[in-house]
Amino acid sequence: MATYSIYAKDNPADAVFVREGFSWTAAVFNFLWACWNRMWVVAVIGLCFVLAANALPTELESLVSIAITLIFGVFAGDLMEWSLRRRGFSNIGIVEAHDLESAEAQFYMGARDLPRAPISSHDMLGLFGTP
């Protein structure tokens, strides 16, 4: 199960769901990930650290690069939340779910555990009702 923090500016229908935990996408594509999520300040600060690391010896430059990768991966959710708060969003809730779709359903329906209807063998994809 993953925990999602929910941020919205004015309308809860336009909420942003931020997954807590390690993000491989942020770790691998750190600056592209930050730009994709409109986190301009985070991208510029990270880029400044990389450019400053170029002046260091090769061993230290590698350590700084690994550190930046780990920082983006571990703190991806925190960096996203900071960026959202900076843009005027506020935290309106927290949901625990298996995936983003379930988290959205739980938040918008106000349900804790959504029951799943059993599918019988004669019920063709649930399209034609029950006999």
C-alpha atoms as a PDB file:
ATOM      1  CA  MET A   1       0.000   0.000   0.000  1.00  0.00           C
ATOM      2  CA  ALA A   2       1.176   3.485  -0.814  1.00  0.00           C
ATOM      3  CA  THR A   3       0.353   6.748   0.899  1.00  0.00           C
ATOM      4  CA  TYR A   4      -0.759   9.694  -1.193  1.00  0.00           C
ATOM      5  CA  SER A   5      -0.883  13.291   0.028  1.00  0.00           C
ATOM      6  CA  ILE A   6      -3.527  15.359  -1.708  1.00  0.00           C
ATOM      7  CA  TYR A   7      -2.943  19.003  -2.582  1.00  0.00           C
ATOM      8  CA  ALA A   8      -5.386  21.485  -4.110  1.00  0.00           C
ATOM      9  CA  LYS A   9      -5.440  25.199  -4.727  1.00  0.00           C
ATOM     10  CA  ASP A  10      -9.094  26.218  -4.867  1.00  0.00           C
ATOM     11  CA  ASN A  11     -11.112  23.363  -6.309  1.00  0.00           C
ATOM     12  CA  PRO A  12     -10.722  19.830  -4.847  1.00  0.00           C
ATOM     13  CA  ALA A  13     -11.672  18.462  -8.275  1.00  0.00           C
ATOM     14  CA  ASP A  14      -8.276  19.684  -9.529  1.00  0.00           C
ATOM     15  CA  ALA A  15      -6.333  17.956  -6.767  1.00  0.00           C
ATOM     16  CA  VAL A  16      -2.755  16.760  -7.180  1.00  0.00           C
ATOM     17  CA  PHE A  17      -1.883  13.382  -5.651  1.00  0.00           C
ATOM     18  CA  VAL A  18       1.705  13.062  -4.417  1.00  0.00           C
ATOM     19  CA  ARG A  19       2.948   9.526  -3.716  1.00  0.00           C
ATOM     20  CA  GLU A  20       5.152   9.157  -0.674  1.00  0.00           C
ATOM     21  CA  GLY A  21       8.240   6.980  -0.800  1.00  0.00           C
ATOM     22  CA  PHE A  22      11.167   6.378  -3.127  1.00  0.00           C
ATOM     23  CA  SER A  23      10.692   7.433  -6.750  1.00  0.00           C
ATOM     24  CA  TRP A  24      12.813   5.650  -9.351  1.00  0.00           C
ATOM     25  CA  THR A  25      11.666   8.095 -12.008  1.00  0.00           C
ATOM     26  CA  ALA A  26      12.921  11.054  -9.986  1.00  0.00           C
ATOM     27  CA  ALA A  27      16.198   9.262  -9.218  1.00  0.00           C
ATOM     28  CA  VAL A  28      16.965   8.361 -12.824  1.00  0.00           C
ATOM     29  CA  PHE A  29      15.621  11.423 -14.641  1.00  0.00           C
ATOM     30  CA  ASN A  30      16.140  13.934 -11.820  1.00  0.00           C
ATOM     31  CA  PHE A  31      16.252  17.270 -13.686  1.00  0.00           C
ATOM     32  CA  LEU A  32      13.872  16.179 -16.437  1.00  0.00           C
ATOM     33  CA  TRP A  33      11.483  14.875 -13.762  1.00  0.00           C
ATOM     34  CA  ALA A  34      11.648  18.198 -11.904  1.00  0.00           C
ATOM     35  CA  CYS A  35      10.986  20.183 -15.097  1.00  0.00           C
ATOM     36  CA  TRP A  36       8.169  17.826 -16.148  1.00  0.00           C
ATOM     37  CA  ASN A  37       6.466  18.492 -12.784  1.00  0.00           C
ATOM     38  CA  ARG A  38       7.060  22.248 -13.089  1.00  0.00           C
ATOM     39  CA  MET A  39       9.481  22.294 -10.177  1.00  0.00           C
ATOM     40  CA  TRP A  40      11.732  24.971 -11.678  1.00  0.00           C
ATOM     41  CA  VAL A  41      13.463  26.031  -8.450  1.00  0.00           C
ATOM     42  CA  VAL A  42      14.331  22.431  -7.554  1.00  0.00           C
ATOM     43  CA  ALA A  43      15.687  21.795 -11.055  1.00  0.00           C
ATOM     44  CA  VAL A  44      17.846  24.942 -11.012  1.00  0.00           C
ATOM     45  CA  ILE A  45      19.257  24.245  -7.522  1.00  0.00           C
ATOM     46  CA  GLY A  46      20.088  20.654  -8.485  1.00  0.00           C
ATOM     47  CA  LEU A  47      21.694  21.804 -11.721  1.00  0.00           C
ATOM     48  CA  CYS A  48      23.788  24.346  -9.794  1.00  0.00           C
ATOM     49  CA  PHE A  49      25.096  21.545  -7.564  1.00  0.00           C
ATOM     50  CA  VAL A  50      26.020  19.467 -10.610  1.00  0.00           C
ATOM     51  CA  LEU A  51      27.813  22.384 -12.262  1.00  0.00           C
ATOM     52  CA  ALA A  52      29.669  23.163  -9.027  1.00  0.00           C
ATOM     53  CA  ALA A  53      30.660  19.500  -8.759  1.00  0.00           C
ATOM     54  CA  ASN A  54      32.414  19.759 -12.137  1.00  0.00           C
ATOM     55  CA  ALA A  55      35.105  21.822 -10.436  1.00  0.00           C
ATOM     56  CA  LEU A  56      35.815  18.994  -7.989  1.00  0.00           C
ATOM     57  CA  PRO A  57      38.152  16.035  -8.527  1.00  0.00           C
ATOM     58  CA  THR A  58      36.627  13.089 -10.389  1.00  0.00           C
ATOM     59  CA  GLU A  59      36.039  10.964  -7.269  1.00  0.00           C
ATOM     60  CA  LEU A  60      34.191  13.750  -5.474  1.00  0.00           C
ATOM     61  CA  GLU A  61      32.246  14.622  -8.605  1.00  0.00           C
ATOM     62  CA  SER A  62      31.020  11.025  -8.762  1.00  0.00           C
ATOM     63  CA  LEU A  63      30.014  11.116  -5.100  1.00  0.00           C
ATOM     64  CA  VAL A  64      28.081  14.346  -5.606  1.00  0.00           C
ATOM     65  CA  SER A  65      26.329  12.842  -8.630  1.00  0.00           C
ATOM     66  CA  ILE A  66      25.327   9.750  -6.632  1.00  0.00           C
ATOM     67  CA  ALA A  67      24.187  11.954  -3.751  1.00  0.00           C
ATOM     68  CA  ILE A  68      21.993  14.044  -6.064  1.00  0.00           C
ATOM     69  CA  THR A  69      20.472  10.880  -7.526  1.00  0.00           C
ATOM     70  CA  LEU A  70      19.671   9.551  -4.049  1.00  0.00           C
ATOM     71  CA  ILE A  71      18.324  12.891  -2.845  1.00  0.00           C
ATOM     72  CA  PHE A  72      15.948  13.167  -5.801  1.00  0.00           C
ATOM     73  CA  GLY A  73      14.802   9.563  -5.363  1.00  0.00           C
ATOM     74  CA  VAL A  74      14.317   9.616  -1.605  1.00  0.00           C
ATOM     75  CA  PHE A  75      12.896  13.121  -1.265  1.00  0.00           C
ATOM     76  CA  ALA A  76      10.857  13.257  -4.494  1.00  0.00           C
ATOM     77  CA  GLY A  77       7.543  13.501  -2.662  1.00  0.00           C
ATOM     78  CA  ASP A  78       8.852  16.121  -0.256  1.00  0.00           C
ATOM     79  CA  LEU A  79      10.301  18.190  -3.092  1.00  0.00           C
ATOM     80  CA  MET A  80       6.986  17.972  -4.962  1.00  0.00           C
ATOM     81  CA  GLU A  81       5.020  18.983  -1.838  1.00  0.00           C
ATOM     82  CA  TRP A  82       7.356  21.922  -1.203  1.00  0.00           C
ATOM     83  CA  SER A  83       6.955  23.069  -4.786  1.00  0.00           C
ATOM     84  CA  LEU A  84       3.155  22.766  -4.625  1.00  0.00           C
ATOM     85  CA  ARG A  85       2.964  24.727  -1.350  1.00  0.00           C
ATOM     86  CA  ARG A  86       5.191  27.382  -2.896  1.00  0.00           C
ATOM     87  CA  ARG A  87       2.667  27.726  -5.762  1.00  0.00           C
ATOM     88  CA  GLY A  88      -0.238  28.223  -3.337  1.00  0.00           C
ATOM     89  CA  PHE A  89      -1.531  24.664  -2.982  1.00  0.00           C
ATOM     90  CA  SER A  90      -2.518  23.344   0.434  1.00  0.00           C
ATOM     91  CA  ASN A  91      -2.761  19.823   1.828  1.00  0.00           C
ATOM     92  CA  ILE A  92      -6.397  18.724   1.891  1.00  0.00           C
ATOM     93  CA  GLY A  93      -6.018  15.074   2.796  1.00  0.00           C
ATOM     94  CA  ILE A  94      -4.088  11.827   2.889  1.00  0.00           C
ATOM     95  CA  VAL A  95      -5.173   8.531   1.355  1.00  0.00           C
ATOM     96  CA  GLU A  96      -3.659   5.070   1.567  1.00  0.00           C
ATOM     97  CA  ALA A  97      -4.251   2.912  -1.510  1.00  0.00           C
ATOM     98  CA  HIS A  98      -2.644   0.343  -3.795  1.00  0.00           C
ATOM     99  CA  ASP A  99      -2.353   2.677  -6.777  1.00  0.00           C
ATOM    100  CA  LEU A 100      -3.188   6.195  -7.929  1.00  0.00           C
ATOM    101  CA  GLU A 101      -6.540   5.211  -9.401  1.00  0.00           C
ATOM    102  CA  SER A 102      -7.701   3.672  -6.105  1.00  0.00           C
ATOM    103  CA  ALA A 103      -6.435   6.713  -4.189  1.00  0.00           C
ATOM    104  CA  GLU A 104      -8.428   9.049  -6.426  1.00  0.00           C
ATOM    105  CA  ALA A 105     -11.540   6.901  -6.080  1.00  0.00           C
ATOM    106  CA  GLN A 106     -11.227   6.802  -2.289  1.00  0.00           C
ATOM    107  CA  PHE A 107     -10.731  10.541  -2.057  1.00  0.00           C
ATOM    108  CA  TYR A 108     -13.490  11.618  -4.425  1.00  0.00           C
ATOM    109  CA  MET A 109     -16.021   9.057  -3.175  1.00  0.00           C
ATOM    110  CA  GLY A 110     -15.098   9.571   0.465  1.00  0.00           C
ATOM    111  CA  ALA A 111     -14.832   5.815   0.975  1.00  0.00           C
ATOM    112  CA  ARG A 112     -12.224   4.078   3.100  1.00  0.00           C
ATOM    113  CA  ASP A 113     -12.373   0.655   1.499  1.00  0.00           C
ATOM    114  CA  LEU A 114     -14.144   0.389  -1.799  1.00  0.00           C
ATOM    115  CA  PRO A 115     -15.982  -2.933  -2.120  1.00  0.00           C
ATOM    116  CA  ARG A 116     -15.434  -4.724  -5.371  1.00  0.00           C
ATOM    117  CA  ALA A 117     -18.388  -6.435  -6.965  1.00  0.00           C
ATOM    118  CA  PRO A 118     -17.794 -10.125  -7.598  1.00  0.00           C
ATOM    119  CA  ILE A 119     -17.752 -11.058 -11.257  1.00  0.00           C
ATOM    120  CA  SER A 120     -19.569 -14.253 -12.107  1.00  0.00           C
ATOM    121  CA  SER A 121     -18.753 -16.369 -15.113  1.00  0.00           C
ATOM    122  CA  HIS A 122     -22.069 -15.588 -16.843  1.00  0.00           C
ATOM    123  CA  ASP A 123     -21.737 -11.832 -16.332  1.00  0.00           C
ATOM    124  CA  MET A 124     -19.973 -10.692 -19.497  1.00  0.00           C
ATOM    125  CA  LEU A 125     -17.692  -7.914 -18.222  1.00  0.00           C
ATOM    126  CA  GLY A 126     -20.559  -6.500 -16.175  1.00  0.00           C
ATOM    127  CA  LEU A 127     -22.103  -4.891 -19.235  1.00  0.00           C
ATOM    128  CA  PHE A 128     -25.448  -6.661 -19.377  1.00  0.00           C
ATOM    129  CA  GLY A 129     -26.495  -6.790 -15.716  1.00  0.00           C
ATOM    130  CA  THR A 130     -27.359  -9.893 -13.769  1.00  0.00           C
ATOM    131  CA  PRO A 131     -29.935 -12.402 -15.010  1.00  0.00           C
END
